[in-house]
Amino acid sequence: MANRAVFLDRDGTVIEEVNYLSTIEEMQVYPFSAEALRRLRAAGFLVVIISNQSAIARGYLNEADLEKIHSELARRLTQEGARIDRFYYCPHHAEATLERYRQVCECRKPRPGMILRAAADLQIDLKASFVVGDRAGDVGVAQEAGCRSVLVKTGYGKTAVEQLGDLRPDYVAENLLEAADWIIAYEGQSAIQ
């Protein structure tokens, strides 16, 4: 049987937005993130981070540094009884400073490469899954992958609503905790119908 997942943008959704986060010291986890993840896992969802990380392409940090940041994020959440099942990131950018990362790829949101890879790795049913993030690209990747989307008003979400164009999220939430509650309630209503 396929798994259901909630794909979470990292910056501005789970942790505070820092322009090109490059050190553990800059990382601040939102106080509601652990509770949101606990609720999603209790409802039977896998929790997967999908994050554009052009800071690597721009030379602000390397992939080993990013792995350390992700390990620390996982550690902090685990201390609060929350768990992330997998981290996926895109290090590429079309105008990268570092040539090896300079490319137009299928993994940079709003392209669905990270979600498709996660779906294959973790046997995820994308039609039963959700994407939560603070940017138009998060809504776009949900549509590309066939998932439902929730735009949060944290991070860049305060201004993203005006930048959506033709994109329409399934729900707009104040933060990740409200998004989690909406997803769980939506699933409950779908099960009744």
C-alpha atoms as a PDB file:
ATOM      1  CA  MET A   1       0.000   0.000   0.000  1.00  0.00           C
ATOM      2  CA  ALA A   2       1.294   3.455  -0.922  1.00  0.00           C
ATOM      3  CA  ASN A   3       2.156   6.035   1.704  1.00  0.00           C
ATOM      4  CA  ARG A   4       0.660   9.502   2.073  1.00  0.00           C
ATOM      5  CA  ALA A   5       3.105  12.337   2.627  1.00  0.00           C
ATOM      6  CA  VAL A   6       3.259  16.010   3.453  1.00  0.00           C
ATOM      7  CA  PHE A   7       6.109  17.659   1.568  1.00  0.00           C
ATOM      8  CA  LEU A   8       7.359  20.683   3.470  1.00  0.00           C
ATOM      9  CA  ASP A   9       9.390  23.589   2.245  1.00  0.00           C
ATOM     10  CA  ARG A  10      12.123  24.239   4.825  1.00  0.00           C
ATOM     11  CA  ASP A  11      12.875  27.979   5.019  1.00  0.00           C
ATOM     12  CA  GLY A  12       9.923  30.133   5.983  1.00  0.00           C
ATOM     13  CA  THR A  13       7.791  27.054   6.694  1.00  0.00           C
ATOM     14  CA  VAL A  14       9.557  24.839   9.271  1.00  0.00           C
ATOM     15  CA  ILE A  15      12.327  27.268  10.196  1.00  0.00           C
ATOM     16  CA  GLU A  16      12.531  31.048  10.038  1.00  0.00           C
ATOM     17  CA  GLU A  17      13.496  32.538   6.699  1.00  0.00           C
ATOM     18  CA  VAL A  18      17.145  33.605   6.604  1.00  0.00           C
ATOM     19  CA  ASN A  19      18.378  34.783   3.250  1.00  0.00           C
ATOM     20  CA  TYR A  20      20.778  32.004   2.166  1.00  0.00           C
ATOM     21  CA  LEU A  21      21.009  30.175   5.492  1.00  0.00           C
ATOM     22  CA  SER A  22      24.556  28.855   5.687  1.00  0.00           C
ATOM     23  CA  THR A  23      25.285  28.056   9.357  1.00  0.00           C
ATOM     24  CA  ILE A  24      23.575  26.146  12.150  1.00  0.00           C
ATOM     25  CA  GLU A  25      23.778  29.274  14.305  1.00  0.00           C
ATOM     26  CA  GLU A  26      21.429  31.124  11.904  1.00  0.00           C
ATOM     27  CA  MET A  27      18.745  28.429  12.098  1.00  0.00           C
ATOM     28  CA  GLN A  28      15.675  29.145  14.215  1.00  0.00           C
ATOM     29  CA  VAL A  29      12.947  26.499  14.278  1.00  0.00           C
ATOM     30  CA  TYR A  30       9.445  27.946  14.506  1.00  0.00           C
ATOM     31  CA  PRO A  31       7.947  27.161  17.933  1.00  0.00           C
ATOM     32  CA  PHE A  32       4.931  25.433  16.316  1.00  0.00           C
ATOM     33  CA  SER A  33       6.866  23.195  13.906  1.00  0.00           C
ATOM     34  CA  ALA A  34       7.403  20.187  16.176  1.00  0.00           C
ATOM     35  CA  GLU A  35       3.730  20.069  17.165  1.00  0.00           C
ATOM     36  CA  ALA A  36       2.678  20.293  13.509  1.00  0.00           C
ATOM     37  CA  LEU A  37       4.976  17.409  12.579  1.00  0.00           C
ATOM     38  CA  ARG A  38       3.775  15.302  15.520  1.00  0.00           C
ATOM     39  CA  ARG A  39       0.156  15.789  14.439  1.00  0.00           C
ATOM     40  CA  LEU A  40       0.898  14.906  10.809  1.00  0.00           C
ATOM     41  CA  ARG A  41       2.798  11.751  11.756  1.00  0.00           C
ATOM     42  CA  ALA A  42       0.035  10.737  14.193  1.00  0.00           C
ATOM     43  CA  ALA A  43      -2.436  11.087  11.301  1.00  0.00           C
ATOM     44  CA  GLY A  44      -0.362   8.640   9.242  1.00  0.00           C
ATOM     45  CA  PHE A  45       1.579  10.983   6.970  1.00  0.00           C
ATOM     46  CA  LEU A  46       5.249  10.758   6.106  1.00  0.00           C
ATOM     47  CA  VAL A  47       6.960  14.139   6.527  1.00  0.00           C
ATOM     48  CA  VAL A  48       9.451  15.033   3.798  1.00  0.00           C
ATOM     49  CA  ILE A  49      11.446  18.256   3.412  1.00  0.00           C
ATOM     50  CA  ILE A  50      11.886  19.514  -0.170  1.00  0.00           C
ATOM     51  CA  SER A  51      14.044  22.601  -0.413  1.00  0.00           C
ATOM     52  CA  ASN A  52      15.684  24.698  -3.121  1.00  0.00           C
ATOM     53  CA  GLN A  53      19.205  25.381  -1.853  1.00  0.00           C
ATOM     54  CA  SER A  54      20.775  27.741  -4.363  1.00  0.00           C
ATOM     55  CA  ALA A  55      23.088  28.929  -1.576  1.00  0.00           C
ATOM     56  CA  ILE A  56      25.210  25.910  -2.571  1.00  0.00           C
ATOM     57  CA  ALA A  57      25.257  26.994  -6.226  1.00  0.00           C
ATOM     58  CA  ARG A  58      26.203  30.508  -5.101  1.00  0.00           C
ATOM     59  CA  GLY A  59      29.098  29.236  -2.942  1.00  0.00           C
ATOM     60  CA  TYR A  60      27.669  30.319   0.444  1.00  0.00           C
ATOM     61  CA  LEU A  61      27.930  26.773   1.809  1.00  0.00           C
ATOM     62  CA  ASN A  62      28.734  23.307   0.528  1.00  0.00           C
ATOM     63  CA  GLU A  63      26.680  20.120   0.557  1.00  0.00           C
ATOM     64  CA  ALA A  64      28.475  18.804   3.662  1.00  0.00           C
ATOM     65  CA  ASP A  65      27.536  21.999   5.544  1.00  0.00           C
ATOM     66  CA  LEU A  66      23.933  21.588   4.413  1.00  0.00           C
ATOM     67  CA  GLU A  67      23.898  18.002   5.682  1.00  0.00           C
ATOM     68  CA  LYS A  68      25.079  19.286   9.084  1.00  0.00           C
ATOM     69  CA  ILE A  69      22.254  21.860   9.134  1.00  0.00           C
ATOM     70  CA  HIS A  70      19.713  19.162   8.273  1.00  0.00           C
ATOM     71  CA  SER A  71      21.130  16.824  10.933  1.00  0.00           C
ATOM     72  CA  GLU A  72      20.822  19.580  13.534  1.00  0.00           C
ATOM     73  CA  LEU A  73      17.260  20.389  12.435  1.00  0.00           C
ATOM     74  CA  ALA A  74      16.331  16.708  12.714  1.00  0.00           C
ATOM     75  CA  ARG A  75      17.995  16.512  16.152  1.00  0.00           C
ATOM     76  CA  ARG A  76      16.118  19.546  17.486  1.00  0.00           C
ATOM     77  CA  LEU A  77      12.785  18.234  16.218  1.00  0.00           C
ATOM     78  CA  THR A  78      13.474  14.745  17.584  1.00  0.00           C
ATOM     79  CA  GLN A  79      14.085  16.274  21.019  1.00  0.00           C
ATOM     80  CA  GLU A  80      10.493  17.520  20.815  1.00  0.00           C
ATOM     81  CA  GLY A  81       9.091  14.174  19.687  1.00  0.00           C
ATOM     82  CA  ALA A  82       8.838  15.106  15.997  1.00  0.00           C
ATOM     83  CA  ARG A  83      10.432  13.389  13.009  1.00  0.00           C
ATOM     84  CA  ILE A  84      11.289  14.167   9.409  1.00  0.00           C
ATOM     85  CA  ASP A  85      11.361  11.044   7.266  1.00  0.00           C
ATOM     86  CA  ARG A  86      13.663  12.362   4.559  1.00  0.00           C
ATOM     87  CA  PHE A  87      15.356  15.536   3.317  1.00  0.00           C
ATOM     88  CA  TYR A  88      15.624  16.342  -0.397  1.00  0.00           C
ATOM     89  CA  TYR A  89      17.248  19.479  -1.760  1.00  0.00           C
ATOM     90  CA  CYS A  90      18.147  21.055  -5.068  1.00  0.00           C
ATOM     91  CA  PRO A  91      21.641  22.645  -5.132  1.00  0.00           C
ATOM     92  CA  HIS A  92      21.295  23.954  -8.704  1.00  0.00           C
ATOM     93  CA  HIS A  93      20.626  27.349 -10.190  1.00  0.00           C
ATOM     94  CA  ALA A  94      20.671  28.534 -13.815  1.00  0.00           C
ATOM     95  CA  GLU A  95      22.970  31.441 -12.852  1.00  0.00           C
ATOM     96  CA  ALA A  96      25.136  29.609 -10.313  1.00  0.00           C
ATOM     97  CA  THR A  97      28.477  31.039  -9.289  1.00  0.00           C
ATOM     98  CA  LEU A  98      29.908  27.508  -9.125  1.00  0.00           C
ATOM     99  CA  GLU A  99      29.893  25.999 -12.609  1.00  0.00           C
ATOM    100  CA  ARG A 100      29.185  22.407 -11.503  1.00  0.00           C
ATOM    101  CA  TYR A 101      25.803  23.559 -10.130  1.00  0.00           C
ATOM    102  CA  ARG A 102      24.927  25.848 -13.054  1.00  0.00           C
ATOM    103  CA  GLN A 103      22.032  24.158 -14.790  1.00  0.00           C
ATOM    104  CA  VAL A 104      18.323  24.205 -15.406  1.00  0.00           C
ATOM    105  CA  CYS A 105      17.195  21.022 -13.697  1.00  0.00           C
ATOM    106  CA  GLU A 106      14.080  19.012 -12.926  1.00  0.00           C
ATOM    107  CA  CYS A 107      14.597  19.191  -9.158  1.00  0.00           C
ATOM    108  CA  ARG A 108      14.406  22.950  -8.601  1.00  0.00           C
ATOM    109  CA  LYS A 109      10.908  23.913  -7.503  1.00  0.00           C
ATOM    110  CA  PRO A 110       8.454  24.468  -9.145  1.00  0.00           C
ATOM    111  CA  ARG A 111       9.729  21.492 -11.175  1.00  0.00           C
ATOM    112  CA  PRO A 112       8.689  18.215  -9.503  1.00  0.00           C
ATOM    113  CA  GLY A 113      11.982  16.291  -9.448  1.00  0.00           C
ATOM    114  CA  MET A 114      12.414  16.184  -5.654  1.00  0.00           C
ATOM    115  CA  ILE A 115       8.833  15.034  -5.114  1.00  0.00           C
ATOM    116  CA  LEU A 116       9.047  12.397  -7.852  1.00  0.00           C
ATOM    117  CA  ARG A 117      12.272  11.044  -6.370  1.00  0.00           C
ATOM    118  CA  ALA A 118      10.739  10.931  -2.882  1.00  0.00           C
ATOM    119  CA  ALA A 119       7.642   9.197  -4.259  1.00  0.00           C
ATOM    120  CA  ALA A 120       9.822   6.485  -5.813  1.00  0.00           C
ATOM    121  CA  ASP A 121      12.069   6.132  -2.746  1.00  0.00           C
ATOM    122  CA  LEU A 122       9.256   6.040  -0.178  1.00  0.00           C
ATOM    123  CA  GLN A 123       6.349   4.558  -2.197  1.00  0.00           C
ATOM    124  CA  ILE A 124       4.239   7.723  -1.911  1.00  0.00           C
ATOM    125  CA  ASP A 125       0.810   8.178  -3.480  1.00  0.00           C
ATOM    126  CA  LEU A 126       1.077  11.756  -4.768  1.00  0.00           C
ATOM    127  CA  LYS A 127      -2.684  12.184  -5.264  1.00  0.00           C
ATOM    128  CA  ALA A 128      -3.137  11.522  -1.521  1.00  0.00           C
ATOM    129  CA  SER A 129      -0.302  13.889  -0.554  1.00  0.00           C
ATOM    130  CA  PHE A 130       0.160  17.607   0.182  1.00  0.00           C
ATOM    131  CA  VAL A 131       2.800  20.310  -0.257  1.00  0.00           C
ATOM    132  CA  VAL A 132       3.142  23.093   2.320  1.00  0.00           C
ATOM    133  CA  GLY A 133       5.296  26.141   1.672  1.00  0.00           C
ATOM    134  CA  ASP A 134       5.578  29.915   1.702  1.00  0.00           C
ATOM    135  CA  ARG A 135       6.194  30.650  -1.989  1.00  0.00           C
ATOM    136  CA  ALA A 136       4.462  30.423  -5.344  1.00  0.00           C
ATOM    137  CA  GLY A 137       6.995  27.733  -6.319  1.00  0.00           C
ATOM    138  CA  ASP A 138       5.635  25.495  -3.571  1.00  0.00           C
ATOM    139  CA  VAL A 139       2.094  25.824  -4.927  1.00  0.00           C
ATOM    140  CA  GLY A 140       3.452  25.259  -8.437  1.00  0.00           C
ATOM    141  CA  VAL A 141       5.365  22.107  -7.531  1.00  0.00           C
ATOM    142  CA  ALA A 142       2.244  20.692  -5.872  1.00  0.00           C
ATOM    143  CA  GLN A 143       0.311  21.200  -9.088  1.00  0.00           C
ATOM    144  CA  GLU A 144       3.140  19.736 -11.198  1.00  0.00           C
ATOM    145  CA  ALA A 145       3.253  16.617  -8.999  1.00  0.00           C
ATOM    146  CA  GLY A 146      -0.508  16.173  -8.609  1.00  0.00           C
ATOM    147  CA  CYS A 147      -0.607  17.000  -4.884  1.00  0.00           C
ATOM    148  CA  ARG A 148      -2.807  19.403  -2.952  1.00  0.00           C
ATOM    149  CA  SER A 149      -1.149  22.601  -1.707  1.00  0.00           C
ATOM    150  CA  VAL A 150      -1.193  24.821   1.353  1.00  0.00           C
ATOM    151  CA  LEU A 151       0.429  28.260   1.309  1.00  0.00           C
ATOM    152  CA  VAL A 152       1.577  29.449   4.739  1.00  0.00           C
ATOM    153  CA  LYS A 153       1.822  33.140   5.617  1.00  0.00           C
ATOM    154  CA  THR A 154       5.155  32.742   7.425  1.00  0.00           C
ATOM    155  CA  GLY A 155       8.458  33.474   5.669  1.00  0.00           C
ATOM    156  CA  TYR A 156       7.740  34.925   2.233  1.00  0.00           C
ATOM    157  CA  GLY A 157       4.110  33.814   2.495  1.00  0.00           C
ATOM    158  CA  LYS A 158       2.970  37.255   3.609  1.00  0.00           C
ATOM    159  CA  THR A 159       3.671  38.591   0.115  1.00  0.00           C
ATOM    160  CA  ALA A 160       3.410  35.361  -1.906  1.00  0.00           C
ATOM    161  CA  VAL A 161      -0.382  35.624  -2.137  1.00  0.00           C
ATOM    162  CA  GLU A 162      -0.015  38.590  -4.517  1.00  0.00           C
ATOM    163  CA  GLN A 163       2.605  36.738  -6.590  1.00  0.00           C
ATOM    164  CA  LEU A 164       0.612  33.569  -7.284  1.00  0.00           C
ATOM    165  CA  GLY A 165      -0.766  34.669 -10.658  1.00  0.00           C
ATOM    166  CA  ASP A 166      -2.935  31.805 -11.921  1.00  0.00           C
ATOM    167  CA  LEU A 167      -1.771  29.432  -9.176  1.00  0.00           C
ATOM    168  CA  ARG A 168      -4.400  28.638  -6.548  1.00  0.00           C
ATOM    169  CA  PRO A 169      -3.443  26.850  -3.330  1.00  0.00           C
ATOM    170  CA  ASP A 170      -6.059  24.535  -1.868  1.00  0.00           C
ATOM    171  CA  TYR A 171      -5.747  26.439   1.408  1.00  0.00           C
ATOM    172  CA  VAL A 172      -3.937  29.460   2.866  1.00  0.00           C
ATOM    173  CA  ALA A 173      -2.839  29.006   6.499  1.00  0.00           C
ATOM    174  CA  GLU A 174      -1.298  31.342   9.034  1.00  0.00           C
ATOM    175  CA  ASN A 175       1.499  28.848   9.747  1.00  0.00           C
ATOM    176  CA  LEU A 176       2.547  25.191   9.582  1.00  0.00           C
ATOM    177  CA  LEU A 177       0.448  24.184  12.584  1.00  0.00           C
ATOM    178  CA  GLU A 178      -2.739  25.552  11.023  1.00  0.00           C
ATOM    179  CA  ALA A 179      -1.743  23.874   7.741  1.00  0.00           C
ATOM    180  CA  ALA A 180      -1.335  20.532   9.530  1.00  0.00           C
ATOM    181  CA  ASP A 181      -4.723  20.853  11.175  1.00  0.00           C
ATOM    182  CA  TRP A 182      -6.364  21.699   7.828  1.00  0.00           C
ATOM    183  CA  ILE A 183      -4.700  18.710   6.111  1.00  0.00           C
ATOM    184  CA  ILE A 184      -5.843  16.334   8.856  1.00  0.00           C
ATOM    185  CA  ALA A 185      -9.397  17.746   8.781  1.00  0.00           C
ATOM    186  CA  TYR A 186      -9.452  17.583   4.955  1.00  0.00           C
ATOM    187  CA  GLU A 187      -8.428  13.941   5.065  1.00  0.00           C
ATOM    188  CA  GLY A 188     -11.087  13.244   7.684  1.00  0.00           C
ATOM    189  CA  GLN A 189     -13.775  14.818   5.482  1.00  0.00           C
ATOM    190  CA  SER A 190     -12.549  12.888   2.430  1.00  0.00           C
ATOM    191  CA  ALA A 191     -12.785   9.607   4.356  1.00  0.00           C
ATOM    192  CA  ILE A 192     -16.415  10.351   5.282  1.00  0.00           C
ATOM    193  CA  GLN A 193     -17.462  11.099   1.678  1.00  0.00           C
END
